[in-house]
Amino acid sequence: QHIYMNDRYLNGQPQLHLKRTEQKIFLQLFHEDPKRFGKY
C-alpha cells in the first residue's frame, strides 16, 4: 500500500495539501548470492 502526501506552504499563496494512494500486487523473485548467507 502506497500513501503519498505533499503539504506545500508557499508564502503569499494558499496552502496545498495533496494525498494519493496506490495498491500494488506483485510476484517477487529473491536472488541471494549463492556464496553468501543470511537473507537481508
All heavy atoms as atom14 arrays in JSON, in Angstrom:
{
  "sequence": "QHIYMNDRYLNGQPQLHLKRTEQKIFLQLFHEDPKRFGKY",
  "atom14_mask": [
    [1, 1, 1, 1, 1, 1, 1, 1, 1, 0, 0, 0, 0, 0],
    [1, 1, 1, 1, 1, 1, 1, 1, 1, 1, 0, 0, 0, 0],
    [1, 1, 1, 1, 1, 1, 1, 1, 0, 0, 0, 0, 0, 0],
    [1, 1, 1, 1, 1, 1, 1, 1, 1, 1, 1, 1, 0, 0],
    [1, 1, 1, 1, 1, 1, 1, 1, 0, 0, 0, 0, 0, 0],
    [1, 1, 1, 1, 1, 1, 1, 1, 0, 0, 0, 0, 0, 0],
    [1, 1, 1, 1, 1, 1, 1, 1, 0, 0, 0, 0, 0, 0],
    [1, 1, 1, 1, 1, 1, 1, 1, 1, 1, 1, 0, 0, 0],
    [1, 1, 1, 1, 1, 1, 1, 1, 1, 1, 1, 1, 0, 0],
    [1, 1, 1, 1, 1, 1, 1, 1, 0, 0, 0, 0, 0, 0],
    [1, 1, 1, 1, 1, 1, 1, 1, 0, 0, 0, 0, 0, 0],
    [1, 1, 1, 1, 0, 0, 0, 0, 0, 0, 0, 0, 0, 0],
    [1, 1, 1, 1, 1, 1, 1, 1, 1, 0, 0, 0, 0, 0],
    [1, 1, 1, 1, 1, 1, 1, 0, 0, 0, 0, 0, 0, 0],
    [1, 1, 1, 1, 1, 1, 1, 1, 1, 0, 0, 0, 0, 0],
    [1, 1, 1, 1, 1, 1, 1, 1, 0, 0, 0, 0, 0, 0],
    [1, 1, 1, 1, 1, 1, 1, 1, 1, 1, 0, 0, 0, 0],
    [1, 1, 1, 1, 1, 1, 1, 1, 0, 0, 0, 0, 0, 0],
    [1, 1, 1, 1, 1, 1, 1, 1, 1, 0, 0, 0, 0, 0],
    [1, 1, 1, 1, 1, 1, 1, 1, 1, 1, 1, 0, 0, 0],
    [1, 1, 1, 1, 1, 1, 1, 0, 0, 0, 0, 0, 0, 0],
    [1, 1, 1, 1, 1, 1, 1, 1, 1, 0, 0, 0, 0, 0],
    [1, 1, 1, 1, 1, 1, 1, 1, 1, 0, 0, 0, 0, 0],
    [1, 1, 1, 1, 1, 1, 1, 1, 1, 0, 0, 0, 0, 0],
    [1, 1, 1, 1, 1, 1, 1, 1, 0, 0, 0, 0, 0, 0],
    [1, 1, 1, 1, 1, 1, 1, 1, 1, 1, 1, 0, 0, 0],
    [1, 1, 1, 1, 1, 1, 1, 1, 0, 0, 0, 0, 0, 0],
    [1, 1, 1, 1, 1, 1, 1, 1, 1, 0, 0, 0, 0, 0],
    [1, 1, 1, 1, 1, 1, 1, 1, 0, 0, 0, 0, 0, 0],
    [1, 1, 1, 1, 1, 1, 1, 1, 1, 1, 1, 0, 0, 0],
    [1, 1, 1, 1, 1, 1, 1, 1, 1, 1, 0, 0, 0, 0],
    [1, 1, 1, 1, 1, 1, 1, 1, 1, 0, 0, 0, 0, 0],
    [1, 1, 1, 1, 1, 1, 1, 1, 0, 0, 0, 0, 0, 0],
    [1, 1, 1, 1, 1, 1, 1, 0, 0, 0, 0, 0, 0, 0],
    [1, 1, 1, 1, 1, 1, 1, 1, 1, 0, 0, 0, 0, 0],
    [1, 1, 1, 1, 1, 1, 1, 1, 1, 1, 1, 0, 0, 0],
    [1, 1, 1, 1, 1, 1, 1, 1, 1, 1, 1, 0, 0, 0],
    [1, 1, 1, 1, 0, 0, 0, 0, 0, 0, 0, 0, 0, 0],
    [1, 1, 1, 1, 1, 1, 1, 1, 1, 0, 0, 0, 0, 0],
    [1, 1, 1, 1, 1, 1, 1, 1, 1, 1, 1, 1, 0, 0]
  ],
  "atom14_positions": [
    [[0.85, -1.18, 0.0], [0.0, 0.0, 0.0], [0.89, 1.23, 0.0], [1.81, 1.35, 0.82], [-0.89, 0.01, 1.24], [-1.66, 1.29, 1.48], [-2.9, 1.44, 0.61], [-3.19, 0.55, -0.18], [-3.62, 2.52, 0.75], [0.0, 0.0, 0.0], [0.0, 0.0, 0.0], [0.0, 0.0, 0.0], [0.0, 0.0, 0.0], [0.0, 0.0, 0.0]],
    [[0.66, 2.15, -0.96], [1.43, 3.39, -1.03], [0.54, 4.55, -0.62], [-0.58, 4.69, -1.1], [1.93, 3.64, -2.46], [3.18, 2.89, -2.79], [4.15, 3.39, -3.62], [3.62, 1.68, -2.38], [5.13, 2.51, -3.72], [4.82, 1.47, -2.99], [0.0, 0.0, 0.0], [0.0, 0.0, 0.0], [0.0, 0.0, 0.0], [0.0, 0.0, 0.0]],
    [[1.08, 5.4, 0.24], [0.39, 6.62, 0.64], [1.34, 7.79, 0.39], [2.42, 7.85, 0.98], [-0.02, 6.59, 2.12], [-0.87, 5.35, 2.42], [-0.77, 7.86, 2.51], [-1.12, 5.11, 3.9], [0.0, 0.0, 0.0], [0.0, 0.0, 0.0], [0.0, 0.0, 0.0], [0.0, 0.0, 0.0], [0.0, 0.0, 0.0], [0.0, 0.0, 0.0]],
    [[0.98, 8.68, -0.54], [1.79, 9.86, -0.87], [1.09, 11.08, -0.29], [-0.1, 11.32, -0.55], [1.91, 10.04, -2.38], [2.52, 8.89, -3.13], [1.72, 8.02, -3.86], [3.9, 8.7, -3.12], [2.28, 6.97, -4.57], [4.46, 7.64, -3.84], [3.64, 6.79, -4.56], [4.19, 5.75, -5.27], [0.0, 0.0, 0.0], [0.0, 0.0, 0.0]],
    [[1.83, 11.89, 0.45], [1.28, 13.14, 0.98], [2.26, 14.27, 0.71], [3.46, 14.13, 0.98], [1.0, 13.02, 2.48], [-0.14, 12.07, 2.83], [-0.41, 11.88, 4.6], [0.97, 10.83, 5.04], [0.0, 0.0, 0.0], [0.0, 0.0, 0.0], [0.0, 0.0, 0.0], [0.0, 0.0, 0.0], [0.0, 0.0, 0.0], [0.0, 0.0, 0.0]],
    [[1.75, 15.37, 0.17], [2.59, 16.53, -0.14], [1.89, 17.77, 0.39], [0.8, 18.14, -0.08], [2.8, 16.62, -1.64], [3.9, 17.61, -2.01], [4.4, 18.33, -1.17], [4.28, 17.64, -3.27], [0.0, 0.0, 0.0], [0.0, 0.0, 0.0], [0.0, 0.0, 0.0], [0.0, 0.0, 0.0], [0.0, 0.0, 0.0], [0.0, 0.0, 0.0]],
    [[2.48, 18.39, 1.39], [1.92, 19.61, 2.01], [2.82, 20.78, 1.67], [4.0, 20.79, 2.04], [1.83, 19.43, 3.53], [0.96, 18.26, 3.91], [-0.24, 18.27, 3.58], [1.48, 17.3, 4.53], [0.0, 0.0, 0.0], [0.0, 0.0, 0.0], [0.0, 0.0, 0.0], [0.0, 0.0, 0.0], [0.0, 0.0, 0.0], [0.0, 0.0, 0.0]],
    [[2.28, 21.76, 0.96], [3.07, 22.9, 0.48], [2.6, 24.17, 1.18], [1.42, 24.51, 1.15], [2.94, 23.03, -1.04], [3.36, 21.79, -1.78], [3.1, 21.89, -3.25], [3.32, 20.59, -3.91], [2.96, 20.3, -5.15], [2.35, 21.22, -5.89], [3.18, 19.11, -5.66], [0.0, 0.0, 0.0], [0.0, 0.0, 0.0], [0.0, 0.0, 0.0]],
    [[3.55, 24.85, 1.78], [3.27, 26.1, 2.48], [4.07, 27.19, 1.77], [5.23, 27.44, 2.1], [3.68, 25.98, 3.95], [3.0, 24.83, 4.66], [3.6, 23.57, 4.72], [1.75, 24.99, 5.27], [2.99, 22.51, 5.36], [1.13, 23.94, 5.92], [1.75, 22.7, 5.96], [1.13, 21.65, 6.6], [0.0, 0.0, 0.0], [0.0, 0.0, 0.0]],
    [[3.47, 27.81, 0.77], [4.13, 28.82, -0.05], [3.76, 30.21, 0.44], [2.57, 30.49, 0.67], [3.74, 28.65, -1.52], [4.01, 27.26, -2.11], [3.53, 27.18, -3.55], [5.49, 26.91, -2.03], [0.0, 0.0, 0.0], [0.0, 0.0, 0.0], [0.0, 0.0, 0.0], [0.0, 0.0, 0.0], [0.0, 0.0, 0.0], [0.0, 0.0, 0.0]],
    [[4.74, 31.08, 0.6], [4.49, 32.42, 1.11], [3.56, 33.19, 0.17], [3.8, 33.28, -1.03], [5.81, 33.19, 1.25], [6.74, 32.54, 2.25], [6.36, 31.61, 2.96], [7.98, 33.01, 2.3], [0.0, 0.0, 0.0], [0.0, 0.0, 0.0], [0.0, 0.0, 0.0], [0.0, 0.0, 0.0], [0.0, 0.0, 0.0], [0.0, 0.0, 0.0]],
    [[2.48, 33.73, 0.75], [1.55, 34.52, -0.05], [0.64, 33.71, -0.93], [-0.11, 34.28, -1.74], [0.0, 0.0, 0.0], [0.0, 0.0, 0.0], [0.0, 0.0, 0.0], [0.0, 0.0, 0.0], [0.0, 0.0, 0.0], [0.0, 0.0, 0.0], [0.0, 0.0, 0.0], [0.0, 0.0, 0.0], [0.0, 0.0, 0.0], [0.0, 0.0, 0.0]],
    [[0.67, 32.37, -0.8], [-0.17, 31.5, -1.61], [-1.01, 30.6, -0.7], [-0.62, 30.31, 0.43], [0.7, 30.63, -2.53], [1.6, 31.4, -3.48], [0.82, 32.07, -4.58], [-0.24, 31.61, -4.99], [1.33, 33.2, -5.07], [0.0, 0.0, 0.0], [0.0, 0.0, 0.0], [0.0, 0.0, 0.0], [0.0, 0.0, 0.0], [0.0, 0.0, 0.0]],
    [[-2.17, 30.15, -1.17], [-2.96, 29.22, -0.37], [-2.19, 27.93, -0.12], [-1.42, 27.48, -0.97], [-4.2, 28.95, -1.25], [-4.26, 30.09, -2.2], [-2.85, 30.51, -2.44], [0.0, 0.0, 0.0], [0.0, 0.0, 0.0], [0.0, 0.0, 0.0], [0.0, 0.0, 0.0], [0.0, 0.0, 0.0], [0.0, 0.0, 0.0], [0.0, 0.0, 0.0]],
    [[-2.36, 27.37, 1.05], [-1.72, 26.1, 1.35], [-2.29, 25.01, 0.44], [-3.47, 25.04, 0.08], [-1.94, 25.72, 2.81], [-1.28, 26.66, 3.79], [-1.49, 26.24, 5.23], [-2.02, 25.15, 5.5], [-1.09, 27.08, 6.17], [0.0, 0.0, 0.0], [0.0, 0.0, 0.0], [0.0, 0.0, 0.0], [0.0, 0.0, 0.0], [0.0, 0.0, 0.0]],
    [[-1.44, 24.06, 0.09], [-1.87, 22.99, -0.8], [-1.55, 21.66, -0.13], [-0.42, 21.41, 0.27], [-1.13, 23.08, -2.14], [-1.54, 22.09, -3.23], [-3.01, 22.24, -3.58], [-0.68, 22.27, -4.46], [0.0, 0.0, 0.0], [0.0, 0.0, 0.0], [0.0, 0.0, 0.0], [0.0, 0.0, 0.0], [0.0, 0.0, 0.0], [0.0, 0.0, 0.0]],
    [[-2.57, 20.82, 0.0], [-2.41, 19.52, 0.64], [-2.86, 18.44, -0.34], [-4.05, 18.34, -0.66], [-3.21, 19.44, 1.94], [-2.87, 20.52, 2.93], [-1.76, 20.46, 3.74], [-3.49, 21.69, 3.2], [-1.71, 21.56, 4.49], [-2.75, 22.32, 4.18], [0.0, 0.0, 0.0], [0.0, 0.0, 0.0], [0.0, 0.0, 0.0], [0.0, 0.0, 0.0]],
    [[-1.91, 17.64, -0.81], [-2.21, 16.59, -1.79], [-2.03, 15.23, -1.14], [-1.1, 15.01, -0.36], [-1.27, 16.71, -2.98], [-1.23, 18.06, -3.71], [-0.17, 18.04, -4.8], [-2.6, 18.4, -4.29], [0.0, 0.0, 0.0], [0.0, 0.0, 0.0], [0.0, 0.0, 0.0], [0.0, 0.0, 0.0], [0.0, 0.0, 0.0], [0.0, 0.0, 0.0]],
    [[-2.93, 14.31, -1.49], [-2.83, 12.95, -0.97], [-3.3, 11.99, -2.05], [-4.32, 12.21, -2.68], [-3.66, 12.79, 0.3], [-3.48, 11.44, 0.99], [-4.25, 11.39, 2.3], [-4.05, 10.06, 3.02], [-4.79, 10.01, 4.31], [0.0, 0.0, 0.0], [0.0, 0.0, 0.0], [0.0, 0.0, 0.0], [0.0, 0.0, 0.0], [0.0, 0.0, 0.0]],
    [[-2.54, 10.95, -2.23], [-2.89, 9.94, -3.23], [-2.44, 8.59, -2.71], [-1.4, 8.49, -2.05], [-2.2, 10.26, -4.56], [-2.39, 9.23, -5.66], [-3.81, 9.17, -6.18], [-4.24, 10.42, -6.78], [-4.04, 10.76, -8.05], [-3.37, 9.96, -8.84], [-4.5, 11.91, -8.51], [0.0, 0.0, 0.0], [0.0, 0.0, 0.0], [0.0, 0.0, 0.0]],
    [[-3.21, 7.56, -2.98], [-2.84, 6.22, -2.55], [-2.78, 5.29, -3.76], [-3.41, 5.54, -4.79], [-3.83, 5.65, -1.52], [-5.14, 5.63, -2.09], [-3.83, 6.49, -0.26], [0.0, 0.0, 0.0], [0.0, 0.0, 0.0], [0.0, 0.0, 0.0], [0.0, 0.0, 0.0], [0.0, 0.0, 0.0], [0.0, 0.0, 0.0], [0.0, 0.0, 0.0]],
    [[-2.01, 4.24, -3.61], [-1.89, 3.2, -4.63], [-1.83, 1.85, -3.95], [-1.42, 1.74, -2.78], [-0.62, 3.39, -5.47], [-0.53, 4.68, -6.24], [0.74, 4.77, -7.08], [1.42, 3.72, -7.23], [1.04, 5.86, -7.57], [0.0, 0.0, 0.0], [0.0, 0.0, 0.0], [0.0, 0.0, 0.0], [0.0, 0.0, 0.0], [0.0, 0.0, 0.0]],
    [[-2.23, 0.82, -4.68], [-2.07, -0.55, -4.21], [-1.27, -1.32, -5.26], [-1.51, -1.17, -6.47], [-3.42, -1.25, -3.99], [-4.21, -0.71, -2.82], [-4.96, 0.57, -3.15], [-5.57, 0.69, -4.22], [-4.89, 1.54, -2.24], [0.0, 0.0, 0.0], [0.0, 0.0, 0.0], [0.0, 0.0, 0.0], [0.0, 0.0, 0.0], [0.0, 0.0, 0.0]],
    [[-0.35, -2.15, -4.78], [0.49, -2.94, -5.68], [0.36, -4.42, -5.34], [0.44, -4.8, -4.17], [1.95, -2.51, -5.57], [2.19, -1.06, -5.94], [3.66, -0.71, -5.93], [3.88, 0.74, -6.35], [5.3, 1.1, -6.42], [0.0, 0.0, 0.0], [0.0, 0.0, 0.0], [0.0, 0.0, 0.0], [0.0, 0.0, 0.0], [0.0, 0.0, 0.0]],
    [[0.18, -5.21, -6.37], [0.18, -6.67, -6.24], [1.25, -7.2, -7.18], [1.28, -6.83, -8.36], [-1.2, -7.26, -6.59], [-2.28, -6.7, -5.66], [-1.16, -8.79, -6.49], [-3.67, -7.15, -6.02], [0.0, 0.0, 0.0], [0.0, 0.0, 0.0], [0.0, 0.0, 0.0], [0.0, 0.0, 0.0], [0.0, 0.0, 0.0], [0.0, 0.0, 0.0]],
    [[2.11, -8.05, -6.67], [3.26, -8.43, -7.48], [3.76, -9.83, -7.12], [3.49, -10.34, -6.01], [4.4, -7.43, -7.29], [4.74, -7.16, -5.84], [5.62, -7.99, -5.15], [4.16, -6.08, -5.17], [5.92, -7.74, -3.82], [4.47, -5.83, -3.84], [5.35, -6.67, -3.17], [0.0, 0.0, 0.0], [0.0, 0.0, 0.0], [0.0, 0.0, 0.0]],
    [[4.46, -10.43, -8.06], [5.26, -11.61, -7.8], [6.68, -11.16, -7.51], [7.21, -10.27, -8.18], [5.25, -12.56, -9.0], [3.99, -13.39, -9.21], [4.11, -14.21, -10.49], [3.72, -14.32, -8.02], [0.0, 0.0, 0.0], [0.0, 0.0, 0.0], [0.0, 0.0, 0.0], [0.0, 0.0, 0.0], [0.0, 0.0, 0.0], [0.0, 0.0, 0.0]],
    [[7.28, -11.78, -6.52], [8.62, -11.38, -6.09], [9.59, -12.53, -6.27], [9.33, -13.67, -5.87], [8.6, -10.96, -4.62], [9.94, -10.49, -4.09], [9.82, -10.04, -2.64], [10.1, -10.81, -1.73], [9.41, -8.8, -2.43], [0.0, 0.0, 0.0], [0.0, 0.0, 0.0], [0.0, 0.0, 0.0], [0.0, 0.0, 0.0], [0.0, 0.0, 0.0]],
    [[10.72, -12.22, -6.91], [11.81, -13.17, -7.06], [13.0, -12.65, -6.27], [13.49, -11.55, -6.53], [12.19, -13.35, -8.53], [13.49, -14.11, -8.82], [13.37, -15.57, -8.35], [13.85, -14.05, -10.29], [0.0, 0.0, 0.0], [0.0, 0.0, 0.0], [0.0, 0.0, 0.0], [0.0, 0.0, 0.0], [0.0, 0.0, 0.0], [0.0, 0.0, 0.0]],
    [[13.44, -13.41, -5.3], [14.6, -13.03, -4.5], [15.78, -13.9, -4.9], [15.73, -15.13, -4.78], [14.31, -13.19, -3.01], [15.49, -12.89, -2.12], [15.94, -11.58, -1.97], [16.15, -13.9, -1.43], [17.03, -11.3, -1.16], [17.24, -13.62, -0.62], [17.67, -12.31, -0.49], [0.0, 0.0, 0.0], [0.0, 0.0, 0.0], [0.0, 0.0, 0.0]],
    [[16.82, -13.26, -5.42], [18.03, -13.98, -5.8], [19.12, -13.66, -4.8], [19.62, -12.54, -4.72], [18.5, -13.58, -7.21], [19.8, -14.2, -7.59], [19.93, -15.54, -7.91], [21.05, -13.67, -7.68], [21.18, -15.8, -8.19], [21.89, -14.69, -8.06], [0.0, 0.0, 0.0], [0.0, 0.0, 0.0], [0.0, 0.0, 0.0], [0.0, 0.0, 0.0]],
    [[19.47, -14.66, -4.02], [20.5, -14.49, -2.99], [21.83, -14.96, -3.55], [21.92, -16.01, -4.18], [20.14, -15.28, -1.75], [21.08, -15.04, -0.59], [20.57, -15.68, 0.7], [19.66, -16.53, 0.62], [21.08, -15.32, 1.77], [0.0, 0.0, 0.0], [0.0, 0.0, 0.0], [0.0, 0.0, 0.0], [0.0, 0.0, 0.0], [0.0, 0.0, 0.0]],
    [[22.86, -14.17, -3.33], [24.19, -14.53, -3.78], [24.52, -15.93, -3.24], [24.54, -16.14, -2.03], [25.19, -13.49, -3.26], [26.56, -13.63, -3.91], [26.96, -14.77, -4.17], [27.21, -12.59, -4.15], [0.0, 0.0, 0.0], [0.0, 0.0, 0.0], [0.0, 0.0, 0.0], [0.0, 0.0, 0.0], [0.0, 0.0, 0.0], [0.0, 0.0, 0.0]],
    [[24.78, -16.9, -4.12], [24.98, -18.27, -3.64], [26.19, -18.44, -2.76], [26.28, -19.41, -1.99], [25.14, -19.07, -4.95], [25.57, -18.06, -5.97], [24.89, -16.77, -5.58], [0.0, 0.0, 0.0], [0.0, 0.0, 0.0], [0.0, 0.0, 0.0], [0.0, 0.0, 0.0], [0.0, 0.0, 0.0], [0.0, 0.0, 0.0], [0.0, 0.0, 0.0]],
    [[27.15, -17.5, -2.81], [28.36, -17.61, -1.98], [28.13, -17.06, -0.58], [28.98, -17.2, 0.29], [29.52, -16.88, -2.62], [30.01, -17.51, -3.91], [30.99, -16.61, -4.62], [32.18, -16.25, -3.73], [33.12, -15.37, -4.41], [0.0, 0.0, 0.0], [0.0, 0.0, 0.0], [0.0, 0.0, 0.0], [0.0, 0.0, 0.0], [0.0, 0.0, 0.0]],
    [[27.0, -16.38, -0.39], [26.8, -15.68, 0.88], [25.74, -16.41, 1.73], [25.15, -17.38, 1.34], [26.35, -14.24, 0.63], [26.93, -13.61, -0.6], [28.44, -13.5, -0.54], [28.96, -12.95, -1.76], [30.21, -13.04, -2.16], [31.09, -13.67, -1.42], [30.6, -12.52, -3.29], [0.0, 0.0, 0.0], [0.0, 0.0, 0.0], [0.0, 0.0, 0.0]],
    [[25.5, -15.82, 2.89], [24.45, -16.39, 3.72], [23.76, -15.25, 4.43], [24.26, -14.13, 4.53], [25.04, -17.36, 4.75], [26.02, -16.73, 5.7], [25.61, -16.13, 6.87], [27.37, -16.74, 5.39], [26.52, -15.53, 7.74], [28.29, -16.14, 6.24], [27.86, -15.54, 7.42], [0.0, 0.0, 0.0], [0.0, 0.0, 0.0], [0.0, 0.0, 0.0]],
    [[22.57, -15.51, 4.94], [21.87, -14.51, 5.74], [21.04, -13.59, 4.9], [21.53, -12.61, 4.36], [0.0, 0.0, 0.0], [0.0, 0.0, 0.0], [0.0, 0.0, 0.0], [0.0, 0.0, 0.0], [0.0, 0.0, 0.0], [0.0, 0.0, 0.0], [0.0, 0.0, 0.0], [0.0, 0.0, 0.0], [0.0, 0.0, 0.0], [0.0, 0.0, 0.0]],
    [[19.76, -13.86, 4.77], [18.87, -13.01, 3.97], [18.71, -11.67, 4.66], [18.29, -11.56, 5.8], [17.51, -13.69, 3.82], [16.55, -12.94, 2.92], [15.28, -13.75, 2.74], [14.3, -13.02, 1.84], [13.06, -13.77, 1.64], [0.0, 0.0, 0.0], [0.0, 0.0, 0.0], [0.0, 0.0, 0.0], [0.0, 0.0, 0.0], [0.0, 0.0, 0.0]],
    [[19.07, -10.62, 3.93], [18.98, -9.26, 4.48], [18.1, -8.45, 3.53], [18.48, -8.23, 2.39], [20.35, -8.62, 4.59], [20.32, -7.14, 4.82], [19.69, -6.64, 5.95], [20.88, -6.26, 3.93], [19.63, -5.28, 6.16], [20.83, -4.9, 4.13], [20.22, -4.42, 5.25], [20.16, -3.07, 5.46], [0.0, 0.0, 0.0], [0.0, 0.0, 0.0]]
  ]
}
